[in-house]
């Protein structure tokens, strides 16, 4: 089954806590009555977790690249020394 954009929005709102309490309650009732919706929610949740993990890995890689530039290039020697002094206190 192809999930409609309305279903995707409703699932997102539910999982991200953006739905109103009464809408959340109605959505949970729909999940009880509709196993396909329950499966869609499960897979959507897994997808969101993977996207979040990927984003974290990308951020770590960017931070590591900046760290390497700041602490290995000679033109950043003064900055590097300032940071190291700050942490020696």
C-alpha atoms as a PDB file:
ATOM      1  CA  UNK A   1       0.000   0.000   0.000  1.00  0.00           C
ATOM      2  CA  UNK A   2       1.251   3.474  -0.828  1.00  0.00           C
ATOM      3  CA  UNK A   3       0.995   5.776   2.112  1.00  0.00           C
ATOM      4  CA  UNK A   4      -0.701   9.046   1.217  1.00  0.00           C
ATOM      5  CA  UNK A   5       0.869  12.372   2.072  1.00  0.00           C
ATOM      6  CA  UNK A   6      -1.930  12.964   4.590  1.00  0.00           C
ATOM      7  CA  UNK A   7      -1.038   9.705   6.362  1.00  0.00           C
ATOM      8  CA  UNK A   8       2.640  10.632   6.370  1.00  0.00           C
ATOM      9  CA  UNK A   9       1.832  14.029   7.887  1.00  0.00           C
ATOM     10  CA  UNK A  10      -0.411  12.436  10.518  1.00  0.00           C
ATOM     11  CA  UNK A  11       2.274   9.875  11.358  1.00  0.00           C
ATOM     12  CA  UNK A  12       4.940  12.587  11.576  1.00  0.00           C
ATOM     13  CA  UNK A  13       2.762  14.750  13.808  1.00  0.00           C
ATOM     14  CA  UNK A  14       2.058  11.769  16.049  1.00  0.00           C
ATOM     15  CA  UNK A  15       5.673  10.600  16.326  1.00  0.00           C
ATOM     16  CA  UNK A  16       7.151  14.068  16.720  1.00  0.00           C
ATOM     17  CA  UNK A  17       4.590  15.149  19.324  1.00  0.00           C
ATOM     18  CA  UNK A  18       3.187  17.918  17.150  1.00  0.00           C
ATOM     19  CA  UNK A  19      -0.426  16.707  17.123  1.00  0.00           C
ATOM     20  CA  UNK A  20      -3.050  18.053  19.477  1.00  0.00           C
ATOM     21  CA  UNK A  21      -3.923  15.668  22.340  1.00  0.00           C
ATOM     22  CA  UNK A  22      -7.354  14.864  20.913  1.00  0.00           C
ATOM     23  CA  UNK A  23      -5.819  14.174  17.479  1.00  0.00           C
ATOM     24  CA  UNK A  24      -3.218  11.938  19.114  1.00  0.00           C
ATOM     25  CA  UNK A  25      -5.935   9.949  20.851  1.00  0.00           C
ATOM     26  CA  UNK A  26      -7.877   9.554  17.610  1.00  0.00           C
ATOM     27  CA  UNK A  27      -4.713   8.506  15.761  1.00  0.00           C
ATOM     28  CA  UNK A  28      -3.938   5.865  18.392  1.00  0.00           C
ATOM     29  CA  UNK A  29      -7.477   4.496  18.039  1.00  0.00           C
ATOM     30  CA  UNK A  30      -6.994   4.325  14.259  1.00  0.00           C
ATOM     31  CA  UNK A  31      -3.764   2.379  14.788  1.00  0.00           C
ATOM     32  CA  UNK A  32      -5.608  -0.154  16.956  1.00  0.00           C
ATOM     33  CA  UNK A  33      -8.240  -0.645  14.265  1.00  0.00           C
ATOM     34  CA  UNK A  34      -5.891  -0.597  11.262  1.00  0.00           C
ATOM     35  CA  UNK A  35      -2.887  -2.977  11.286  1.00  0.00           C
ATOM     36  CA  UNK A  36      -1.559  -1.436   8.064  1.00  0.00           C
ATOM     37  CA  UNK A  37      -1.429   1.992   9.692  1.00  0.00           C
ATOM     38  CA  UNK A  38       0.323   0.457  12.692  1.00  0.00           C
ATOM     39  CA  UNK A  39       2.914  -1.067  10.333  1.00  0.00           C
ATOM     40  CA  UNK A  40       3.323   2.266   8.512  1.00  0.00           C
ATOM     41  CA  UNK A  41       3.945   3.995  11.850  1.00  0.00           C
ATOM     42  CA  UNK A  42       6.503   1.343  12.830  1.00  0.00           C
ATOM     43  CA  UNK A  43       8.470   1.726   9.590  1.00  0.00           C
ATOM     44  CA  UNK A  44       8.189   5.500   9.658  1.00  0.00           C
ATOM     45  CA  UNK A  45       9.625   5.504  13.172  1.00  0.00           C
ATOM     46  CA  UNK A  46      12.520   3.292  12.022  1.00  0.00           C
ATOM     47  CA  UNK A  47      13.152   5.634   9.083  1.00  0.00           C
ATOM     48  CA  UNK A  48      13.203   8.706  11.338  1.00  0.00           C
ATOM     49  CA  UNK A  49      15.705   6.979  13.631  1.00  0.00           C
ATOM     50  CA  UNK A  50      17.983   6.159  10.681  1.00  0.00           C
ATOM     51  CA  UNK A  51      17.810   9.720   9.363  1.00  0.00           C
ATOM     52  CA  UNK A  52      18.621  11.069  12.821  1.00  0.00           C
ATOM     53  CA  UNK A  53      21.587   8.705  13.167  1.00  0.00           C
ATOM     54  CA  UNK A  54      22.854   9.676   9.710  1.00  0.00           C
ATOM     55  CA  UNK A  55      22.587  13.360  10.655  1.00  0.00           C
ATOM     56  CA  UNK A  56      24.590  12.762  13.824  1.00  0.00           C
ATOM     57  CA  UNK A  57      27.299  10.955  11.882  1.00  0.00           C
ATOM     58  CA  UNK A  58      27.454  13.787   9.347  1.00  0.00           C
ATOM     59  CA  UNK A  59      27.749  16.353  12.138  1.00  0.00           C
ATOM     60  CA  UNK A  60      30.523  14.363  13.810  1.00  0.00           C
ATOM     61  CA  UNK A  61      32.410  14.205  10.505  1.00  0.00           C
ATOM     62  CA  UNK A  62      32.077  17.971  10.009  1.00  0.00           C
ATOM     63  CA  UNK A  63      33.249  18.687  13.553  1.00  0.00           C
ATOM     64  CA  UNK A  64      36.221  16.357  13.086  1.00  0.00           C
ATOM     65  CA  UNK A  65      37.168  18.117   9.817  1.00  0.00           C
ATOM     66  CA  UNK A  66      37.082  21.525  11.525  1.00  0.00           C
ATOM     67  CA  UNK A  67      39.084  20.133  14.442  1.00  0.00           C
ATOM     68  CA  UNK A  68      41.755  18.797  12.091  1.00  0.00           C
ATOM     69  CA  UNK A  69      42.012  22.124  10.294  1.00  0.00           C
ATOM     70  CA  UNK A  70      42.266  24.171  13.478  1.00  0.00           C
ATOM     71  CA  UNK A  71      44.744  21.918  15.238  1.00  0.00           C
ATOM     72  CA  UNK A  72      47.037  20.857  12.398  1.00  0.00           C
ATOM     73  CA  UNK A  73      47.468  23.851  10.074  1.00  0.00           C
ATOM     74  CA  UNK A  74      50.300  26.233  10.920  1.00  0.00           C
ATOM     75  CA  UNK A  75      48.204  29.357  10.249  1.00  0.00           C
ATOM     76  CA  UNK A  76      45.971  28.422  13.189  1.00  0.00           C
ATOM     77  CA  UNK A  77      48.826  28.037  15.681  1.00  0.00           C
ATOM     78  CA  UNK A  78      47.776  31.091  17.734  1.00  0.00           C
ATOM     79  CA  UNK A  79      44.197  29.905  18.007  1.00  0.00           C
ATOM     80  CA  UNK A  80      45.355  26.418  18.963  1.00  0.00           C
ATOM     81  CA  UNK A  81      47.557  27.839  21.730  1.00  0.00           C
ATOM     82  CA  UNK A  82      44.695  29.986  23.056  1.00  0.00           C
ATOM     83  CA  UNK A  83      42.420  26.961  23.293  1.00  0.00           C
ATOM     84  CA  UNK A  84      45.048  24.800  24.956  1.00  0.00           C
ATOM     85  CA  UNK A  85      45.758  27.518  27.541  1.00  0.00           C
ATOM     86  CA  UNK A  86      42.060  27.762  28.291  1.00  0.00           C
ATOM     87  CA  UNK A  87      41.898  24.057  29.157  1.00  0.00           C
ATOM     88  CA  UNK A  88      45.131  24.056  31.209  1.00  0.00           C
ATOM     89  CA  UNK A  89      43.558  26.306  33.842  1.00  0.00           C
END
